[in-house]
Amino acid sequence: MKSDTSAFLTPTEFVDCDSPEIGEFVSRSLDGASNLSETAKAIRLFDAVRDRVRYNPFDIGTTADDYRASRIAVKPSNYCVPKAILLTAALRAAGIPAAVGFADVRNHLNSPKLAELMGTDLFIYHGYVALWLDGRLFKVTPAFNTELCERFGVKQLIFDGKSDALFHEFDTNSHRHMEYVRDRGWFADPPVGQLLREFRTTYPKLWQSSAQRMSVSDAAFSGEQ
């Protein structure tokens, strides 16, 4: 990996780290502290995205705008890809180089409902974040909020600024949990168009279900009956 990380500090179409929404998210997450180290800021932002945005794998975004960091920042729940985009934007806004990474993972503890909608236990384009602290690369995923982990006996992911924070191979009962199958690399701006095309092809039932949920949600928000 090249040492020049300047491309991972600037705003992009989806990682719009210069937006007011991201600025407000970062300010609240850091609680106004200005004397924190970059490592301390990264840890606080990781914790904020992990726990303030609940994990919800059933409502995957079906439009490109659903993957814009400024829009993600104001939603109470989301799934791994938007949460990774949000953390990437928050880190950049705090002056920490970050990129959106993707990996294909096999979830050995998939719920029956989600498995039926997906038709497989393979999650393509699982979102994670690549970030650099003192020139050192870390990979982290803020997907599962703490409450969810406690409820389902999954080990909480904690980023300590010293090592990666990726999904655990086993749960708290030593059952197989998450298996990383393929790392697709990381990007200054996520390839949202490609992701949406592959999601729609790979998970047609989940896509249709999510599109219907989004339509109902948008109608309720706009006051339509």
Protein backbone atom coordinates (compact mmCIF):
# COMPACT_ATOMS: atom_id res chain seq x y z
CA MET A 1 0.00 0.00 0.00
CA LYS A 2 1.40 3.43 -0.92
CA SER A 3 2.21 5.69 2.01
CA ASP A 4 0.37 8.63 0.39
CA THR A 5 -3.11 8.61 1.92
CA SER A 6 -4.17 12.09 0.75
CA ALA A 7 -6.88 10.58 -1.48
CA PHE A 8 -8.50 9.18 1.66
CA LEU A 9 -8.89 12.58 3.32
CA THR A 10 -10.93 14.45 0.72
CA PRO A 11 -14.70 14.55 0.14
CA THR A 12 -16.17 12.35 -2.60
CA GLU A 13 -19.64 11.82 -4.02
CA PHE A 14 -20.69 9.34 -1.34
CA VAL A 15 -18.14 10.08 1.38
CA ASP A 16 -19.24 13.71 1.65
CA CYS A 17 -17.20 14.40 4.76
CA ASP A 18 -17.52 18.17 4.32
CA SER A 19 -21.32 18.13 4.73
CA PRO A 20 -23.03 19.78 7.74
CA GLU A 21 -24.58 16.45 8.74
CA ILE A 22 -21.18 14.77 9.05
CA GLY A 23 -19.73 17.77 10.87
CA GLU A 24 -22.55 17.64 13.40
CA PHE A 25 -22.18 13.85 13.82
CA VAL A 26 -18.46 14.20 14.50
CA SER A 27 -18.95 17.09 16.92
CA ARG A 28 -21.50 15.13 18.96
CA SER A 29 -19.40 11.97 18.89
CA LEU A 30 -16.27 13.73 20.11
CA ASP A 31 -18.30 15.75 22.61
CA GLY A 32 -16.51 18.94 21.62
CA ALA A 33 -13.10 17.66 22.75
CA SER A 34 -10.34 19.31 20.73
CA ASN A 35 -7.27 17.94 22.50
CA LEU A 36 -7.81 14.25 21.72
CA SER A 37 -5.17 12.27 19.87
CA GLU A 38 -6.04 10.90 16.44
CA THR A 39 -6.25 7.41 17.95
CA ALA A 40 -8.67 8.57 20.66
CA LYS A 41 -10.80 10.32 18.01
CA ALA A 42 -10.87 7.19 15.84
CA ILE A 43 -11.97 5.05 18.79
CA ARG A 44 -14.77 7.46 19.74
CA LEU A 45 -16.02 7.68 16.17
CA PHE A 46 -15.94 3.90 15.78
CA ASP A 47 -17.98 3.51 18.97
CA ALA A 48 -20.47 6.18 17.85
CA VAL A 49 -21.17 4.58 14.47
CA ARG A 50 -21.32 1.10 15.99
CA ASP A 51 -23.85 1.96 18.70
CA ARG A 52 -25.73 5.08 17.63
CA VAL A 53 -26.78 3.56 14.30
CA ARG A 54 -28.50 0.25 14.98
CA TYR A 55 -27.72 -2.65 12.68
CA ASN A 56 -30.61 -3.63 10.40
CA PRO A 57 -29.88 -6.06 7.52
CA PHE A 58 -33.47 -6.12 6.25
CA ASP A 59 -33.67 -2.59 4.86
CA ILE A 60 -30.83 -2.45 2.36
CA GLY A 61 -30.73 0.77 0.38
CA THR A 62 -31.93 0.34 -3.20
CA THR A 63 -30.99 3.80 -4.53
CA ALA A 64 -27.59 5.45 -4.78
CA ASP A 65 -28.64 8.28 -2.46
CA ASP A 66 -29.13 5.76 0.35
CA TYR A 67 -25.34 5.37 0.38
CA ARG A 68 -24.43 9.04 0.82
CA ALA A 69 -22.79 9.65 4.21
CA SER A 70 -24.77 12.83 4.94
CA ARG A 71 -28.04 10.92 4.50
CA ILE A 72 -26.82 7.92 6.51
CA ALA A 73 -25.83 10.19 9.42
CA VAL A 74 -29.45 11.13 10.17
CA LYS A 75 -30.92 7.61 10.07
CA PRO A 76 -31.39 5.60 13.31
CA SER A 77 -30.55 2.22 11.74
CA ASN A 78 -28.79 0.75 8.73
CA TYR A 79 -26.70 -2.21 7.60
CA CYS A 80 -22.95 -2.72 7.29
CA VAL A 81 -22.20 -0.85 4.04
CA PRO A 82 -23.82 2.50 4.94
CA LYS A 83 -22.36 2.27 8.46
CA ALA A 84 -18.89 1.80 6.96
CA ILE A 85 -19.44 4.79 4.66
CA LEU A 86 -20.55 6.90 7.63
CA LEU A 87 -17.49 5.99 9.70
CA THR A 88 -15.21 6.70 6.74
CA ALA A 89 -16.73 10.16 6.34
CA ALA A 90 -16.55 10.89 10.07
CA LEU A 91 -12.90 9.89 10.23
CA ARG A 92 -11.99 12.07 7.24
CA ALA A 93 -13.85 15.00 8.79
CA ALA A 94 -11.68 14.50 11.88
CA GLY A 95 -8.51 14.55 9.76
CA ILE A 96 -7.92 10.78 9.79
CA PRO A 97 -7.32 9.04 6.41
CA ALA A 98 -10.00 6.41 5.80
CA ALA A 99 -11.45 4.35 2.95
CA VAL A 100 -14.48 2.11 2.43
CA GLY A 101 -13.53 -1.56 2.18
CA PHE A 102 -15.52 -4.56 1.01
CA ALA A 103 -15.29 -8.28 1.65
CA ASP A 104 -17.46 -11.29 0.92
CA VAL A 105 -18.26 -13.09 4.18
CA ARG A 106 -20.10 -16.25 5.10
CA ASN A 107 -22.37 -15.88 8.11
CA HIS A 108 -22.68 -19.21 9.91
CA LEU A 109 -25.23 -17.76 12.37
CA ASN A 110 -27.61 -16.26 9.83
CA SER A 111 -31.19 -15.95 11.09
CA PRO A 112 -33.82 -18.13 9.33
CA LYS A 113 -35.76 -15.03 8.21
CA LEU A 114 -32.73 -13.34 6.66
CA ALA A 115 -31.46 -16.61 5.18
CA GLU A 116 -34.83 -17.16 3.48
CA LEU A 117 -34.77 -13.67 1.96
CA MET A 118 -31.15 -13.93 0.86
CA GLY A 119 -31.25 -17.52 -0.34
CA THR A 120 -27.66 -17.99 0.86
CA ASP A 121 -25.40 -17.42 3.85
CA LEU A 122 -22.88 -15.53 1.70
CA PHE A 123 -22.89 -11.76 2.14
CA ILE A 124 -21.25 -10.05 -0.81
CA TYR A 125 -19.85 -6.55 -0.31
CA HIS A 126 -19.76 -6.64 3.47
CA GLY A 127 -18.65 -3.13 4.38
CA TYR A 128 -15.63 -2.37 6.54
CA VAL A 129 -13.33 0.63 6.99
CA ALA A 130 -9.62 0.91 6.29
CA LEU A 131 -8.01 3.72 8.29
CA TRP A 132 -4.49 4.93 8.93
CA LEU A 133 -3.10 6.00 12.31
CA ASP A 134 0.55 7.06 12.49
CA GLY A 135 1.07 5.48 9.08
CA ARG A 136 -0.28 2.13 10.19
CA LEU A 137 -3.27 0.49 8.46
CA PHE A 138 -6.20 -0.89 10.43
CA LYS A 139 -9.36 -2.63 9.23
CA VAL A 140 -12.50 -2.21 11.33
CA THR A 141 -16.22 -2.90 10.97
CA PRO A 142 -18.73 -0.92 13.06
CA ALA A 143 -21.70 -2.98 11.86
CA PHE A 144 -23.12 -4.74 14.95
CA ASN A 145 -24.24 -2.46 17.78
CA THR A 146 -23.47 -3.57 21.34
CA GLU A 147 -27.11 -4.25 22.27
CA LEU A 148 -27.50 -6.59 19.30
CA CYS A 149 -24.33 -8.47 20.20
CA GLU A 150 -25.47 -8.98 23.79
CA ARG A 151 -28.90 -10.18 22.66
CA PHE A 152 -27.58 -12.81 20.25
CA GLY A 153 -24.43 -13.92 22.05
CA VAL A 154 -22.06 -12.41 19.51
CA LYS A 155 -18.74 -11.01 20.65
CA GLN A 156 -18.72 -7.22 20.64
CA LEU A 157 -16.20 -5.65 18.29
CA ILE A 158 -13.94 -3.19 20.08
CA PHE A 159 -11.41 -0.99 18.34
CA ASP A 160 -8.53 -0.09 20.64
CA GLY A 161 -6.31 1.68 18.14
CA LYS A 162 -3.75 -1.12 18.33
CA SER A 163 -5.25 -3.91 16.22
CA ASP A 164 -7.96 -4.62 13.64
CA ALA A 165 -11.60 -4.93 14.68
CA LEU A 166 -13.15 -7.36 12.20
CA PHE A 167 -15.89 -9.94 12.71
CA HIS A 168 -14.99 -12.79 15.04
CA GLU A 169 -14.66 -16.30 13.64
CA PHE A 170 -16.63 -17.73 16.59
CA ASP A 171 -19.46 -16.48 18.81
CA THR A 172 -19.46 -16.48 22.63
CA ASN A 173 -20.49 -20.18 22.62
CA SER A 174 -17.61 -21.14 20.31
CA HIS A 175 -19.92 -21.69 17.34
CA ARG A 176 -18.69 -20.66 13.90
CA HIS A 177 -19.79 -17.10 13.25
CA MET A 178 -18.22 -15.15 10.40
CA GLU A 179 -15.85 -16.43 7.72
CA TYR A 180 -14.06 -13.94 5.46
CA VAL A 181 -14.12 -15.47 1.98
CA ARG A 182 -12.83 -12.69 -0.28
CA ASP A 183 -11.44 -9.21 0.31
CA ARG A 184 -12.46 -6.85 -2.52
CA GLY A 185 -10.10 -4.09 -1.37
CA TRP A 186 -10.86 -0.52 -0.32
CA PHE A 187 -11.88 2.63 -2.18
CA ALA A 188 -11.73 6.40 -1.80
CA ASP A 189 -15.36 6.40 -2.99
CA PRO A 190 -17.44 3.20 -2.88
CA PRO A 191 -18.55 1.68 -6.22
CA VAL A 192 -22.21 2.08 -5.35
CA GLY A 193 -23.56 1.49 -8.85
CA GLN A 194 -21.79 -1.85 -9.13
CA LEU A 195 -22.82 -2.81 -5.59
CA LEU A 196 -26.49 -2.12 -6.32
CA ARG A 197 -26.42 -4.12 -9.55
CA GLU A 198 -24.84 -7.14 -7.87
CA PHE A 199 -27.16 -6.95 -4.84
CA ARG A 200 -30.22 -6.89 -7.05
CA THR A 201 -28.99 -9.92 -9.01
CA THR A 202 -27.71 -11.92 -6.03
CA TYR A 203 -30.54 -11.22 -3.55
CA PRO A 204 -33.73 -10.61 -5.59
CA LYS A 205 -36.13 -11.44 -2.73
CA LEU A 206 -34.29 -9.28 -0.21
CA TRP A 207 -34.04 -6.48 -2.77
CA GLN A 208 -37.78 -6.56 -3.47
CA SER A 209 -38.60 -6.68 0.24
CA SER A 210 -36.30 -3.73 0.96
CA ALA A 211 -37.68 -1.70 -1.94
CA GLN A 212 -41.22 -2.22 -0.62
CA ARG A 213 -40.18 -1.23 2.91
CA MET A 214 -38.45 1.89 1.61
CA SER A 215 -41.54 2.89 -0.39
CA VAL A 216 -43.76 2.60 2.68
CA SER A 217 -41.24 4.51 4.79
CA ASP A 218 -40.91 7.33 2.24
CA ALA A 219 -44.67 7.61 1.91
CA ALA A 220 -45.11 7.85 5.69
CA PHE A 221 -42.37 10.47 5.89
CA SER A 222 -43.98 12.62 3.21
CA GLY A 223 -47.44 12.32 4.76
CA GLU A 224 -48.90 10.22 1.97
CA GLN A 225 -51.57 7.66 2.77
